[in-house]
């Protein structure tokens, strides 16, 4: 077959006996988008977690994610596959990627806002179930703990996170290092369950560079207008280092705080263009950080993708690598909008 072929169809009939699952690119040897025949897709849906080779499972999960991104598998079906197959997973890298995609892409961007809470509850339940099944020495515990922290939402979840902080460890392990403590405090801050005083208390105990950045991320994540305005001003003021700017931008935009942030979304593109117009060097670098780490990815709405975004893209101030980065961000939002629309309509059904 030609190396530049746009589409390659594998003739399953050439294999005897015909396999239950034909997994193209098994071994991950090439950069390609894979689609399965109906029988293989059904087999994968029921048996993904039982594939013996971790690399085969990773390839299979990549296929599943492509199906979701292209609207051929619904976000809900992805969550169901995760719930069905992760309990049997033994590779923490695979589990981490599956949970992260469920949390930050499916829940925050691909599901309609009204279904986000249910998805977070499902992810939290899955991670709690994994923690209940895994042994002390299993590296999967850390993955499950991180997933539960990031997905925590309800009062019981908040109480559990506070109890972890008080005990200094997740029940059954692992112990909380500074990174896990800050991750918990960030989630509690986003949910409005931790205050500025609590952030400053932990900041006084952690004078490391990582601690200073974590504190900046938490301050920007406080769900009050005064904190958001202070973070916005700092991001655009040109006084933060690149690391401080990235941390502040990461804390600023939170899908849980869509109401508080609504007024900043239409201002984002104008601000980005103004920063980029500052010229080479500092202006261009700040604009790239704001586009990479400070893009309102949760704001999957027509208003976000309308005249403001396109006008910023086509303005003379957005050039070179920044233009490509912004174009990619807008394309991801368009894709999210399409997937959300299909999710609302019920979407295609895959076994």
C-alpha atoms as a PDB file:
ATOM      1  CA  UNK A   1       0.000   0.000   0.000  1.00  0.00           C
ATOM      2  CA  UNK A   2       1.297   3.519  -0.716  1.00  0.00           C
ATOM      3  CA  UNK A   3       2.923   5.322   2.206  1.00  0.00           C
ATOM      4  CA  UNK A   4       0.924   8.479   1.494  1.00  0.00           C
ATOM      5  CA  UNK A   5      -2.468   6.753   1.298  1.00  0.00           C
ATOM      6  CA  UNK A   6      -5.192   8.820   2.916  1.00  0.00           C
ATOM      7  CA  UNK A   7      -7.277   5.792   3.893  1.00  0.00           C
ATOM      8  CA  UNK A   8      -6.170   2.175   4.189  1.00  0.00           C
ATOM      9  CA  UNK A   9      -8.829  -0.523   4.657  1.00  0.00           C
ATOM     10  CA  UNK A  10      -7.589  -3.805   6.089  1.00  0.00           C
ATOM     11  CA  UNK A  11      -9.306  -6.851   4.552  1.00  0.00           C
ATOM     12  CA  UNK A  12     -10.413  -8.838   7.592  1.00  0.00           C
ATOM     13  CA  UNK A  13     -11.691 -11.585   5.324  1.00  0.00           C
ATOM     14  CA  UNK A  14      -8.055 -12.393   4.503  1.00  0.00           C
ATOM     15  CA  UNK A  15      -7.545 -13.609   8.078  1.00  0.00           C
ATOM     16  CA  UNK A  16      -8.771 -17.120   8.880  1.00  0.00           C
ATOM     17  CA  UNK A  17     -10.290 -17.832  11.266  1.00  0.00           C
ATOM     18  CA  UNK A  18     -11.784 -14.333  11.381  1.00  0.00           C
ATOM     19  CA  UNK A  19     -10.712 -12.696  14.656  1.00  0.00           C
ATOM     20  CA  UNK A  20     -13.100 -11.271  17.231  1.00  0.00           C
ATOM     21  CA  UNK A  21     -10.948  -8.127  17.322  1.00  0.00           C
ATOM     22  CA  UNK A  22      -8.794  -6.715  14.540  1.00  0.00           C
ATOM     23  CA  UNK A  23      -6.662  -3.935  16.091  1.00  0.00           C
ATOM     24  CA  UNK A  24      -4.831  -1.910  13.416  1.00  0.00           C
ATOM     25  CA  UNK A  25      -1.584  -0.219  14.460  1.00  0.00           C
ATOM     26  CA  UNK A  26      -1.197  -2.615  17.371  1.00  0.00           C
ATOM     27  CA  UNK A  27       2.260  -1.810  18.670  1.00  0.00           C
ATOM     28  CA  UNK A  28       1.768   1.898  17.954  1.00  0.00           C
ATOM     29  CA  UNK A  29       4.153   1.920  14.999  1.00  0.00           C
ATOM     30  CA  UNK A  30       2.537   4.723  13.006  1.00  0.00           C
ATOM     31  CA  UNK A  31       0.754   8.058  13.285  1.00  0.00           C
ATOM     32  CA  UNK A  32      -2.694   7.235  12.005  1.00  0.00           C
ATOM     33  CA  UNK A  33      -6.364   7.506  12.849  1.00  0.00           C
ATOM     34  CA  UNK A  34      -7.945   4.078  13.197  1.00  0.00           C
ATOM     35  CA  UNK A  35     -11.544   3.029  12.686  1.00  0.00           C
ATOM     36  CA  UNK A  36     -12.750  -0.456  13.575  1.00  0.00           C
ATOM     37  CA  UNK A  37     -15.208  -2.736  11.835  1.00  0.00           C
ATOM     38  CA  UNK A  38     -18.471  -3.324  13.701  1.00  0.00           C
ATOM     39  CA  UNK A  39     -17.432  -6.697  15.137  1.00  0.00           C
ATOM     40  CA  UNK A  40     -14.085  -5.348  16.392  1.00  0.00           C
ATOM     41  CA  UNK A  41     -15.760  -2.313  17.922  1.00  0.00           C
ATOM     42  CA  UNK A  42     -18.203  -4.533  19.800  1.00  0.00           C
ATOM     43  CA  UNK A  43     -15.353  -6.759  20.971  1.00  0.00           C
ATOM     44  CA  UNK A  44     -13.345  -3.773  22.147  1.00  0.00           C
ATOM     45  CA  UNK A  45     -16.293  -2.361  24.074  1.00  0.00           C
ATOM     46  CA  UNK A  46     -16.686  -5.582  26.013  1.00  0.00           C
ATOM     47  CA  UNK A  47     -13.063  -6.711  26.290  1.00  0.00           C
ATOM     48  CA  UNK A  48     -10.727  -3.679  26.229  1.00  0.00           C
ATOM     49  CA  UNK A  49      -9.610  -4.179  29.819  1.00  0.00           C
ATOM     50  CA  UNK A  50      -8.746  -7.823  29.145  1.00  0.00           C
ATOM     51  CA  UNK A  51      -6.225  -7.193  26.361  1.00  0.00           C
ATOM     52  CA  UNK A  52      -3.026  -8.767  27.665  1.00  0.00           C
ATOM     53  CA  UNK A  53      -0.498  -6.285  26.281  1.00  0.00           C
ATOM     54  CA  UNK A  54      -0.467  -2.825  27.944  1.00  0.00           C
ATOM     55  CA  UNK A  55       0.612  -1.250  24.643  1.00  0.00           C
ATOM     56  CA  UNK A  56      -2.393  -2.821  22.907  1.00  0.00           C
ATOM     57  CA  UNK A  57      -4.652  -1.379  25.584  1.00  0.00           C
ATOM     58  CA  UNK A  58      -3.049   2.052  25.151  1.00  0.00           C
ATOM     59  CA  UNK A  59      -3.609   1.888  21.379  1.00  0.00           C
ATOM     60  CA  UNK A  60      -7.214   0.826  21.972  1.00  0.00           C
ATOM     61  CA  UNK A  61      -7.862   3.745  24.326  1.00  0.00           C
ATOM     62  CA  UNK A  62      -6.362   6.110  21.736  1.00  0.00           C
ATOM     63  CA  UNK A  63      -8.838   4.748  19.186  1.00  0.00           C
ATOM     64  CA  UNK A  64     -11.682   5.303  21.646  1.00  0.00           C
ATOM     65  CA  UNK A  65     -10.604   8.897  22.290  1.00  0.00           C
ATOM     66  CA  UNK A  66     -10.490   9.584  18.542  1.00  0.00           C
ATOM     67  CA  UNK A  67     -14.018   8.214  18.229  1.00  0.00           C
ATOM     68  CA  UNK A  68     -15.197  10.600  20.948  1.00  0.00           C
ATOM     69  CA  UNK A  69     -13.382  13.593  19.434  1.00  0.00           C
ATOM     70  CA  UNK A  70     -14.953  12.918  16.050  1.00  0.00           C
ATOM     71  CA  UNK A  71     -18.446  12.471  17.447  1.00  0.00           C
ATOM     72  CA  UNK A  72     -18.643   8.761  16.633  1.00  0.00           C
ATOM     73  CA  UNK A  73     -18.813   7.746  20.286  1.00  0.00           C
ATOM     74  CA  UNK A  74     -20.686   9.819  22.849  1.00  0.00           C
ATOM     75  CA  UNK A  75     -18.971  11.332  25.898  1.00  0.00           C
ATOM     76  CA  UNK A  76     -21.333   9.274  28.071  1.00  0.00           C
ATOM     77  CA  UNK A  77     -20.169   6.083  26.385  1.00  0.00           C
ATOM     78  CA  UNK A  78     -16.548   6.998  27.117  1.00  0.00           C
ATOM     79  CA  UNK A  79     -17.364   7.349  30.804  1.00  0.00           C
ATOM     80  CA  UNK A  80     -19.149   4.002  30.721  1.00  0.00           C
ATOM     81  CA  UNK A  81     -16.113   2.342  29.109  1.00  0.00           C
ATOM     82  CA  UNK A  82     -13.853   3.832  31.779  1.00  0.00           C
ATOM     83  CA  UNK A  83     -16.124   2.520  34.543  1.00  0.00           C
ATOM     84  CA  UNK A  84     -16.244  -0.910  32.892  1.00  0.00           C
ATOM     85  CA  UNK A  85     -12.552  -1.414  32.155  1.00  0.00           C
ATOM     86  CA  UNK A  86     -10.410   0.649  34.548  1.00  0.00           C
ATOM     87  CA  UNK A  87     -11.044  -1.633  37.554  1.00  0.00           C
ATOM     88  CA  UNK A  88      -9.042  -4.319  35.709  1.00  0.00           C
ATOM     89  CA  UNK A  89      -6.272  -1.945  34.573  1.00  0.00           C
ATOM     90  CA  UNK A  90      -2.799  -2.530  36.011  1.00  0.00           C
ATOM     91  CA  UNK A  91      -0.833   0.156  34.155  1.00  0.00           C
ATOM     92  CA  UNK A  92      -0.958   3.466  36.016  1.00  0.00           C
ATOM     93  CA  UNK A  93       0.029   5.465  32.925  1.00  0.00           C
ATOM     94  CA  UNK A  94      -2.960   4.143  30.980  1.00  0.00           C
ATOM     95  CA  UNK A  95      -5.314   4.700  33.914  1.00  0.00           C
ATOM     96  CA  UNK A  96      -3.990   8.226  34.429  1.00  0.00           C
ATOM     97  CA  UNK A  97      -4.604   9.196  30.818  1.00  0.00           C
ATOM     98  CA  UNK A  98      -8.101   7.672  30.785  1.00  0.00           C
ATOM     99  CA  UNK A  99      -9.138   9.462  33.977  1.00  0.00           C
ATOM    100  CA  UNK A 100      -7.574  12.770  32.909  1.00  0.00           C
ATOM    101  CA  UNK A 101      -9.397  12.677  29.560  1.00  0.00           C
ATOM    102  CA  UNK A 102     -12.666  11.878  31.323  1.00  0.00           C
ATOM    103  CA  UNK A 103     -12.168  14.725  33.804  1.00  0.00           C
ATOM    104  CA  UNK A 104     -10.738  17.594  31.787  1.00  0.00           C
ATOM    105  CA  UNK A 105     -12.017  16.913  28.264  1.00  0.00           C
ATOM    106  CA  UNK A 106     -15.217  14.884  28.547  1.00  0.00           C
ATOM    107  CA  UNK A 107     -16.649  16.494  31.696  1.00  0.00           C
ATOM    108  CA  UNK A 108     -15.432  20.060  31.202  1.00  0.00           C
ATOM    109  CA  UNK A 109     -15.714  20.416  27.430  1.00  0.00           C
ATOM    110  CA  UNK A 110     -17.619  17.641  25.665  1.00  0.00           C
ATOM    111  CA  UNK A 111     -20.689  17.273  27.869  1.00  0.00           C
ATOM    112  CA  UNK A 112     -23.389  19.959  28.000  1.00  0.00           C
ATOM    113  CA  UNK A 113     -23.018  21.990  31.216  1.00  0.00           C
ATOM    114  CA  UNK A 114     -26.145  20.464  32.713  1.00  0.00           C
ATOM    115  CA  UNK A 115     -24.594  16.998  32.576  1.00  0.00           C
ATOM    116  CA  UNK A 116     -21.195  17.960  33.953  1.00  0.00           C
ATOM    117  CA  UNK A 117     -22.105  17.431  37.605  1.00  0.00           C
ATOM    118  CA  UNK A 118     -23.248  13.891  36.969  1.00  0.00           C
ATOM    119  CA  UNK A 119     -20.048  13.115  35.083  1.00  0.00           C
ATOM    120  CA  UNK A 120     -17.884  14.433  37.924  1.00  0.00           C
ATOM    121  CA  UNK A 121     -19.857  12.317  40.376  1.00  0.00           C
ATOM    122  CA  UNK A 122     -19.291   9.250  38.208  1.00  0.00           C
ATOM    123  CA  UNK A 123     -15.540   9.905  37.941  1.00  0.00           C
ATOM    124  CA  UNK A 124     -15.295  10.473  41.697  1.00  0.00           C
ATOM    125  CA  UNK A 125     -17.184   7.242  42.320  1.00  0.00           C
ATOM    126  CA  UNK A 126     -14.916   5.332  39.931  1.00  0.00           C
ATOM    127  CA  UNK A 127     -11.756   6.669  41.583  1.00  0.00           C
ATOM    128  CA  UNK A 128     -13.141   5.918  45.047  1.00  0.00           C
ATOM    129  CA  UNK A 129     -13.944   2.393  43.929  1.00  0.00           C
ATOM    130  CA  UNK A 130     -10.395   1.961  42.627  1.00  0.00           C
ATOM    131  CA  UNK A 131      -8.972   3.176  45.938  1.00  0.00           C
ATOM    132  CA  UNK A 132     -11.138   0.658  47.759  1.00  0.00           C
ATOM    133  CA  UNK A 133      -9.839  -2.231  45.662  1.00  0.00           C
ATOM    134  CA  UNK A 134      -6.132  -1.477  45.379  1.00  0.00           C
ATOM    135  CA  UNK A 135      -3.373  -2.584  47.709  1.00  0.00           C
ATOM    136  CA  UNK A 136      -0.967  -0.292  49.556  1.00  0.00           C
ATOM    137  CA  UNK A 137       1.935  -0.826  47.185  1.00  0.00           C
ATOM    138  CA  UNK A 138      -0.075  -0.374  44.004  1.00  0.00           C
ATOM    139  CA  UNK A 139       1.016   2.684  42.000  1.00  0.00           C
ATOM    140  CA  UNK A 140      -2.559   2.933  40.769  1.00  0.00           C
ATOM    141  CA  UNK A 141      -3.565   4.343  44.165  1.00  0.00           C
ATOM    142  CA  UNK A 142      -1.867   7.636  43.407  1.00  0.00           C
ATOM    143  CA  UNK A 143      -3.643   7.882  40.042  1.00  0.00           C
ATOM    144  CA  UNK A 144      -6.988   7.116  41.664  1.00  0.00           C
ATOM    145  CA  UNK A 145      -6.374   9.606  44.477  1.00  0.00           C
ATOM    146  CA  UNK A 146      -5.480  12.374  42.041  1.00  0.00           C
ATOM    147  CA  UNK A 147      -8.548  11.640  39.945  1.00  0.00           C
ATOM    148  CA  UNK A 148     -10.798  11.767  42.987  1.00  0.00           C
ATOM    149  CA  UNK A 149      -9.286  15.049  44.157  1.00  0.00           C
ATOM    150  CA  UNK A 150      -9.778  16.737  40.794  1.00  0.00           C
ATOM    151  CA  UNK A 151     -13.360  15.464  40.414  1.00  0.00           C
ATOM    152  CA  UNK A 152     -14.562  16.078  43.966  1.00  0.00           C
ATOM    153  CA  UNK A 153     -17.688  18.231  44.006  1.00  0.00           C
ATOM    154  CA  UNK A 154     -20.335  17.425  46.625  1.00  0.00           C
ATOM    155  CA  UNK A 155     -20.356  18.031  50.383  1.00  0.00           C
ATOM    156  CA  UNK A 156     -19.233  14.471  51.140  1.00  0.00           C
ATOM    157  CA  UNK A 157     -16.300  14.854  48.728  1.00  0.00           C
ATOM    158  CA  UNK A 158     -15.295  18.135  50.339  1.00  0.00           C
ATOM    159  CA  UNK A 159     -15.431  16.581  53.799  1.00  0.00           C
ATOM    160  CA  UNK A 160     -13.288  13.677  52.608  1.00  0.00           C
ATOM    161  CA  UNK A 161     -10.628  16.015  51.200  1.00  0.00           C
ATOM    162  CA  UNK A 162     -10.465  17.992  54.430  1.00  0.00           C
ATOM    163  CA  UNK A 163     -10.075  14.727  56.361  1.00  0.00           C
ATOM    164  CA  UNK A 164      -7.198  13.713  54.080  1.00  0.00           C
ATOM    165  CA  UNK A 165      -5.479  17.021  54.770  1.00  0.00           C
ATOM    166  CA  UNK A 166      -5.972  16.635  58.511  1.00  0.00           C
ATOM    167  CA  UNK A 167      -4.627  13.065  58.491  1.00  0.00           C
ATOM    168  CA  UNK A 168      -1.779  13.825  56.117  1.00  0.00           C
ATOM    169  CA  UNK A 169      -2.589  10.826  53.960  1.00  0.00           C
ATOM    170  CA  UNK A 170      -5.194   9.178  51.798  1.00  0.00           C
ATOM    171  CA  UNK A 171      -6.891   6.371  53.777  1.00  0.00           C
ATOM    172  CA  UNK A 172      -4.819   3.297  52.963  1.00  0.00           C
ATOM    173  CA  UNK A 173      -2.116   5.468  51.346  1.00  0.00           C
ATOM    174  CA  UNK A 174      -0.391   7.284  49.838  1.00  0.00           C
ATOM    175  CA  UNK A 175       0.879   9.877  52.291  1.00  0.00           C
ATOM    176  CA  UNK A 176       0.321  13.460  51.197  1.00  0.00           C
ATOM    177  CA  UNK A 177       3.426  15.157  49.858  1.00  0.00           C
ATOM    178  CA  UNK A 178       3.404  18.898  49.163  1.00  0.00           C
ATOM    179  CA  UNK A 179       2.162  18.381  45.609  1.00  0.00           C
ATOM    180  CA  UNK A 180      -0.866  16.382  46.758  1.00  0.00           C
ATOM    181  CA  UNK A 181      -1.618  18.866  49.542  1.00  0.00           C
ATOM    182  CA  UNK A 182      -1.632  21.737  47.070  1.00  0.00           C
ATOM    183  CA  UNK A 183      -3.771  19.751  44.640  1.00  0.00           C
ATOM    184  CA  UNK A 184      -6.354  19.190  47.375  1.00  0.00           C
ATOM    185  CA  UNK A 185      -6.245  22.833  48.464  1.00  0.00           C
ATOM    186  CA  UNK A 186      -6.694  23.982  44.849  1.00  0.00           C
ATOM    187  CA  UNK A 187      -9.805  21.838  44.413  1.00  0.00           C
ATOM    188  CA  UNK A 188     -11.230  23.045  47.723  1.00  0.00           C
ATOM    189  CA  UNK A 189     -10.512  26.639  46.682  1.00  0.00           C
ATOM    190  CA  UNK A 190     -12.242  26.195  43.318  1.00  0.00           C
ATOM    191  CA  UNK A 191     -15.313  24.829  45.103  1.00  0.00           C
ATOM    192  CA  UNK A 192     -15.371  27.758  47.526  1.00  0.00           C
ATOM    193  CA  UNK A 193     -14.527  25.499  50.477  1.00  0.00           C
ATOM    194  CA  UNK A 194     -11.078  26.991  51.220  1.00  0.00           C
ATOM    195  CA  UNK A 195     -10.330  30.645  51.924  1.00  0.00           C
ATOM    196  CA  UNK A 196      -7.479  33.038  51.184  1.00  0.00           C
ATOM    197  CA  UNK A 197      -6.310  32.628  54.789  1.00  0.00           C
ATOM    198  CA  UNK A 198      -5.937  28.888  54.306  1.00  0.00           C
ATOM    199  CA  UNK A 199      -3.975  29.434  51.110  1.00  0.00           C
ATOM    200  CA  UNK A 200      -1.619  31.836  52.881  1.00  0.00           C
ATOM    201  CA  UNK A 201      -1.218  29.429  55.792  1.00  0.00           C
ATOM    202  CA  UNK A 202       0.025  26.692  53.482  1.00  0.00           C
ATOM    203  CA  UNK A 203       2.122  29.177  51.505  1.00  0.00           C
ATOM    204  CA  UNK A 204       3.936  30.169  54.714  1.00  0.00           C
ATOM    205  CA  UNK A 205       4.819  26.501  55.269  1.00  0.00           C
ATOM    206  CA  UNK A 206       6.101  25.883  51.741  1.00  0.00           C
ATOM    207  CA  UNK A 207       8.677  28.418  50.599  1.00  0.00           C
ATOM    208  CA  UNK A 208       9.826  26.326  47.626  1.00  0.00           C
ATOM    209  CA  UNK A 209       9.440  27.549  44.066  1.00  0.00           C
ATOM    210  CA  UNK A 210       6.745  24.918  43.512  1.00  0.00           C
ATOM    211  CA  UNK A 211       4.948  26.098  46.641  1.00  0.00           C
ATOM    212  CA  UNK A 212       4.966  29.725  45.498  1.00  0.00           C
ATOM    213  CA  UNK A 213       3.499  28.735  42.122  1.00  0.00           C
ATOM    214  CA  UNK A 214       0.869  26.534  43.762  1.00  0.00           C
ATOM    215  CA  UNK A 215      -0.167  29.393  46.029  1.00  0.00           C
ATOM    216  CA  UNK A 216      -0.464  31.727  43.020  1.00  0.00           C
ATOM    217  CA  UNK A 217      -2.634  29.131  41.259  1.00  0.00           C
ATOM    218  CA  UNK A 218      -4.899  28.862  44.301  1.00  0.00           C
ATOM    219  CA  UNK A 219      -5.226  32.635  44.747  1.00  0.00           C
ATOM    220  CA  UNK A 220      -6.347  32.977  41.131  1.00  0.00           C
ATOM    221  CA  UNK A 221      -8.844  30.143  41.650  1.00  0.00           C
ATOM    222  CA  UNK A 222     -10.735  31.867  44.465  1.00  0.00           C
ATOM    223  CA  UNK A 223     -14.361  32.125  43.212  1.00  0.00           C
ATOM    224  CA  UNK A 224     -14.880  35.803  44.055  1.00  0.00           C
ATOM    225  CA  UNK A 225     -14.749  38.794  41.741  1.00  0.00           C
ATOM    226  CA  UNK A 226     -12.038  40.594  43.701  1.00  0.00           C
ATOM    227  CA  UNK A 227      -9.665  37.649  43.357  1.00  0.00           C
ATOM    228  CA  UNK A 228     -10.501  37.205  39.675  1.00  0.00           C
ATOM    229  CA  UNK A 229      -9.920  40.886  38.929  1.00  0.00           C
ATOM    230  CA  UNK A 230      -6.606  40.839  40.792  1.00  0.00           C
ATOM    231  CA  UNK A 231      -5.480  37.774  38.824  1.00  0.00           C
ATOM    232  CA  UNK A 232      -6.655  39.282  35.512  1.00  0.00           C
ATOM    233  CA  UNK A 233      -4.734  42.497  36.192  1.00  0.00           C
ATOM    234  CA  UNK A 234      -1.613  40.550  37.165  1.00  0.00           C
ATOM    235  CA  UNK A 235      -1.783  38.383  34.028  1.00  0.00           C
ATOM    236  CA  UNK A 236      -1.959  41.412  31.755  1.00  0.00           C
ATOM    237  CA  UNK A 237       0.401  43.629  33.727  1.00  0.00           C
ATOM    238  CA  UNK A 238       3.663  42.165  32.453  1.00  0.00           C
ATOM    239  CA  UNK A 239       5.193  41.878  35.917  1.00  0.00           C
ATOM    240  CA  UNK A 240       4.888  38.111  36.421  1.00  0.00           C
ATOM    241  CA  UNK A 241       7.560  35.635  35.446  1.00  0.00           C
ATOM    242  CA  UNK A 242       6.627  33.064  32.815  1.00  0.00           C
ATOM    243  CA  UNK A 243       6.071  30.389  35.477  1.00  0.00           C
ATOM    244  CA  UNK A 244       4.006  32.726  37.656  1.00  0.00           C
ATOM    245  CA  UNK A 245       1.936  33.775  34.669  1.00  0.00           C
ATOM    246  CA  UNK A 246       1.227  30.163  33.685  1.00  0.00           C
ATOM    247  CA  UNK A 247       0.247  29.220  37.241  1.00  0.00           C
ATOM    248  CA  UNK A 248      -2.040  32.244  37.615  1.00  0.00           C
ATOM    249  CA  UNK A 249      -3.679  31.574  34.264  1.00  0.00           C
ATOM    250  CA  UNK A 250      -4.231  27.907  35.152  1.00  0.00           C
ATOM    251  CA  UNK A 251      -5.964  28.894  38.365  1.00  0.00           C
ATOM    252  CA  UNK A 252      -8.049  31.647  36.798  1.00  0.00           C
ATOM    253  CA  UNK A 253     -10.224  29.656  34.364  1.00  0.00           C
ATOM    254  CA  UNK A 254     -12.358  27.011  36.078  1.00  0.00           C
ATOM    255  CA  UNK A 255     -15.391  25.289  34.586  1.00  0.00           C
ATOM    256  CA  UNK A 256     -16.948  25.180  38.067  1.00  0.00           C
ATOM    257  CA  UNK A 257     -16.900  29.001  38.102  1.00  0.00           C
ATOM    258  CA  UNK A 258     -18.505  29.712  34.725  1.00  0.00           C
ATOM    259  CA  UNK A 259     -20.878  32.262  36.215  1.00  0.00           C
ATOM    260  CA  UNK A 260     -18.142  34.246  37.956  1.00  0.00           C
ATOM    261  CA  UNK A 261     -15.983  34.176  34.814  1.00  0.00           C
ATOM    262  CA  UNK A 262     -18.675  34.966  32.241  1.00  0.00           C
ATOM    263  CA  UNK A 263     -17.662  38.604  31.923  1.00  0.00           C
ATOM    264  CA  UNK A 264     -14.020  37.763  31.213  1.00  0.00           C
ATOM    265  CA  UNK A 265     -14.614  35.453  28.254  1.00  0.00           C
ATOM    266  CA  UNK A 266     -15.497  38.187  25.713  1.00  0.00           C
ATOM    267  CA  UNK A 267     -12.616  40.324  27.028  1.00  0.00           C
ATOM    268  CA  UNK A 268     -10.065  37.576  26.541  1.00  0.00           C
ATOM    269  CA  UNK A 269      -9.491  37.923  22.789  1.00  0.00           C
ATOM    270  CA  UNK A 270      -9.127  41.697  22.922  1.00  0.00           C
ATOM    271  CA  UNK A 271      -6.664  41.403  25.799  1.00  0.00           C
ATOM    272  CA  UNK A 272      -4.666  38.730  23.971  1.00  0.00           C
ATOM    273  CA  UNK A 273      -4.383  40.876  20.842  1.00  0.00           C
ATOM    274  CA  UNK A 274      -3.312  43.899  22.886  1.00  0.00           C
ATOM    275  CA  UNK A 275      -0.604  41.910  24.672  1.00  0.00           C
ATOM    276  CA  UNK A 276       0.627  40.429  21.383  1.00  0.00           C
ATOM    277  CA  UNK A 277       0.777  43.894  19.842  1.00  0.00           C
ATOM    278  CA  UNK A 278       3.324  44.846  22.478  1.00  0.00           C
ATOM    279  CA  UNK A 279       5.987  43.609  20.106  1.00  0.00           C
ATOM    280  CA  UNK A 280       8.674  40.944  20.147  1.00  0.00           C
ATOM    281  CA  UNK A 281      10.190  39.601  23.324  1.00  0.00           C
ATOM    282  CA  UNK A 282       8.109  40.111  26.435  1.00  0.00           C
ATOM    283  CA  UNK A 283       4.834  40.887  24.648  1.00  0.00           C
ATOM    284  CA  UNK A 284       5.005  37.883  22.358  1.00  0.00           C
ATOM    285  CA  UNK A 285       6.083  35.487  25.116  1.00  0.00           C
ATOM    286  CA  UNK A 286       3.343  36.658  27.497  1.00  0.00           C
ATOM    287  CA  UNK A 287       0.777  36.256  24.715  1.00  0.00           C
ATOM    288  CA  UNK A 288       1.921  32.699  24.048  1.00  0.00           C
ATOM    289  CA  UNK A 289       1.594  31.776  27.725  1.00  0.00           C
ATOM    290  CA  UNK A 290      -1.845  33.392  27.902  1.00  0.00           C
ATOM    291  CA  UNK A 291      -2.925  31.436  24.841  1.00  0.00           C
ATOM    292  CA  UNK A 292      -1.480  28.113  25.964  1.00  0.00           C
ATOM    293  CA  UNK A 293      -2.342  28.180  29.680  1.00  0.00           C
ATOM    294  CA  UNK A 294      -4.894  30.970  29.912  1.00  0.00           C
ATOM    295  CA  UNK A 295      -7.360  30.084  27.168  1.00  0.00           C
ATOM    296  CA  UNK A 296     -11.011  29.745  28.340  1.00  0.00           C
ATOM    297  CA  UNK A 297     -11.356  26.159  27.173  1.00  0.00           C
ATOM    298  CA  UNK A 298     -14.416  25.528  29.310  1.00  0.00           C
ATOM    299  CA  UNK A 299     -16.403  28.242  27.505  1.00  0.00           C
ATOM    300  CA  UNK A 300     -17.796  26.028  24.757  1.00  0.00           C
ATOM    301  CA  UNK A 301     -20.356  28.427  23.316  1.00  0.00           C
ATOM    302  CA  UNK A 302     -21.063  30.120  20.014  1.00  0.00           C
ATOM    303  CA  UNK A 303     -20.232  33.499  21.517  1.00  0.00           C
ATOM    304  CA  UNK A 304     -16.708  32.297  22.262  1.00  0.00           C
ATOM    305  CA  UNK A 305     -16.210  31.148  18.692  1.00  0.00           C
ATOM    306  CA  UNK A 306     -17.765  34.172  17.032  1.00  0.00           C
ATOM    307  CA  UNK A 307     -16.455  37.471  15.807  1.00  0.00           C
ATOM    308  CA  UNK A 308     -14.155  38.133  18.767  1.00  0.00           C
ATOM    309  CA  UNK A 309     -12.079  34.983  18.330  1.00  0.00           C
ATOM    310  CA  UNK A 310     -11.864  35.207  14.556  1.00  0.00           C
ATOM    311  CA  UNK A 311     -11.099  38.925  14.665  1.00  0.00           C
ATOM    312  CA  UNK A 312      -8.237  38.260  17.056  1.00  0.00           C
ATOM    313  CA  UNK A 313      -6.955  35.481  14.820  1.00  0.00           C
ATOM    314  CA  UNK A 314      -7.010  37.662  11.726  1.00  0.00           C
ATOM    315  CA  UNK A 315      -5.606  40.788  13.350  1.00  0.00           C
ATOM    316  CA  UNK A 316      -2.147  41.908  12.303  1.00  0.00           C
ATOM    317  CA  UNK A 317      -0.865  41.510  15.858  1.00  0.00           C
ATOM    318  CA  UNK A 318      -1.313  37.736  16.006  1.00  0.00           C
ATOM    319  CA  UNK A 319       1.416  36.180  13.893  1.00  0.00           C
ATOM    320  CA  UNK A 320       3.802  33.248  13.737  1.00  0.00           C
ATOM    321  CA  UNK A 321       3.622  30.592  16.420  1.00  0.00           C
ATOM    322  CA  UNK A 322       0.987  32.533  18.375  1.00  0.00           C
ATOM    323  CA  UNK A 323      -1.342  32.530  15.381  1.00  0.00           C
ATOM    324  CA  UNK A 324      -0.974  28.765  15.017  1.00  0.00           C
ATOM    325  CA  UNK A 325      -1.527  28.214  18.733  1.00  0.00           C
ATOM    326  CA  UNK A 326      -4.662  30.368  18.749  1.00  0.00           C
ATOM    327  CA  UNK A 327      -5.994  28.652  15.619  1.00  0.00           C
ATOM    328  CA  UNK A 328      -5.520  25.277  17.306  1.00  0.00           C
ATOM    329  CA  UNK A 329      -7.341  26.448  20.438  1.00  0.00           C
ATOM    330  CA  UNK A 330     -10.269  27.749  18.394  1.00  0.00           C
ATOM    331  CA  UNK A 331     -10.420  24.518  16.412  1.00  0.00           C
ATOM    332  CA  UNK A 332     -10.545  22.526  19.657  1.00  0.00           C
ATOM    333  CA  UNK A 333     -13.439  24.702  20.803  1.00  0.00           C
ATOM    334  CA  UNK A 334     -15.266  24.140  17.524  1.00  0.00           C
ATOM    335  CA  UNK A 335     -14.808  20.417  17.948  1.00  0.00           C
ATOM    336  CA  UNK A 336     -16.075  20.613  21.532  1.00  0.00           C
ATOM    337  CA  UNK A 337     -19.119  22.549  20.371  1.00  0.00           C
ATOM    338  CA  UNK A 338     -19.880  19.881  17.767  1.00  0.00           C
ATOM    339  CA  UNK A 339     -19.479  17.034  20.261  1.00  0.00           C
ATOM    340  CA  UNK A 340     -21.685  18.841  22.783  1.00  0.00           C
ATOM    341  CA  UNK A 341     -24.359  19.343  20.150  1.00  0.00           C
ATOM    342  CA  UNK A 342     -24.372  15.646  19.295  1.00  0.00           C
ATOM    343  CA  UNK A 343     -24.422  14.747  22.981  1.00  0.00           C
ATOM    344  CA  UNK A 344     -27.538  16.881  23.459  1.00  0.00           C
ATOM    345  CA  UNK A 345     -29.182  15.191  20.503  1.00  0.00           C
ATOM    346  CA  UNK A 346     -28.337  11.738  21.800  1.00  0.00           C
ATOM    347  CA  UNK A 347     -25.394  11.173  19.474  1.00  0.00           C
ATOM    348  CA  UNK A 348     -24.523   8.077  17.491  1.00  0.00           C
ATOM    349  CA  UNK A 349     -24.815   4.794  19.310  1.00  0.00           C
ATOM    350  CA  UNK A 350     -21.827   2.505  19.443  1.00  0.00           C
ATOM    351  CA  UNK A 351     -21.786  -0.869  21.139  1.00  0.00           C
END
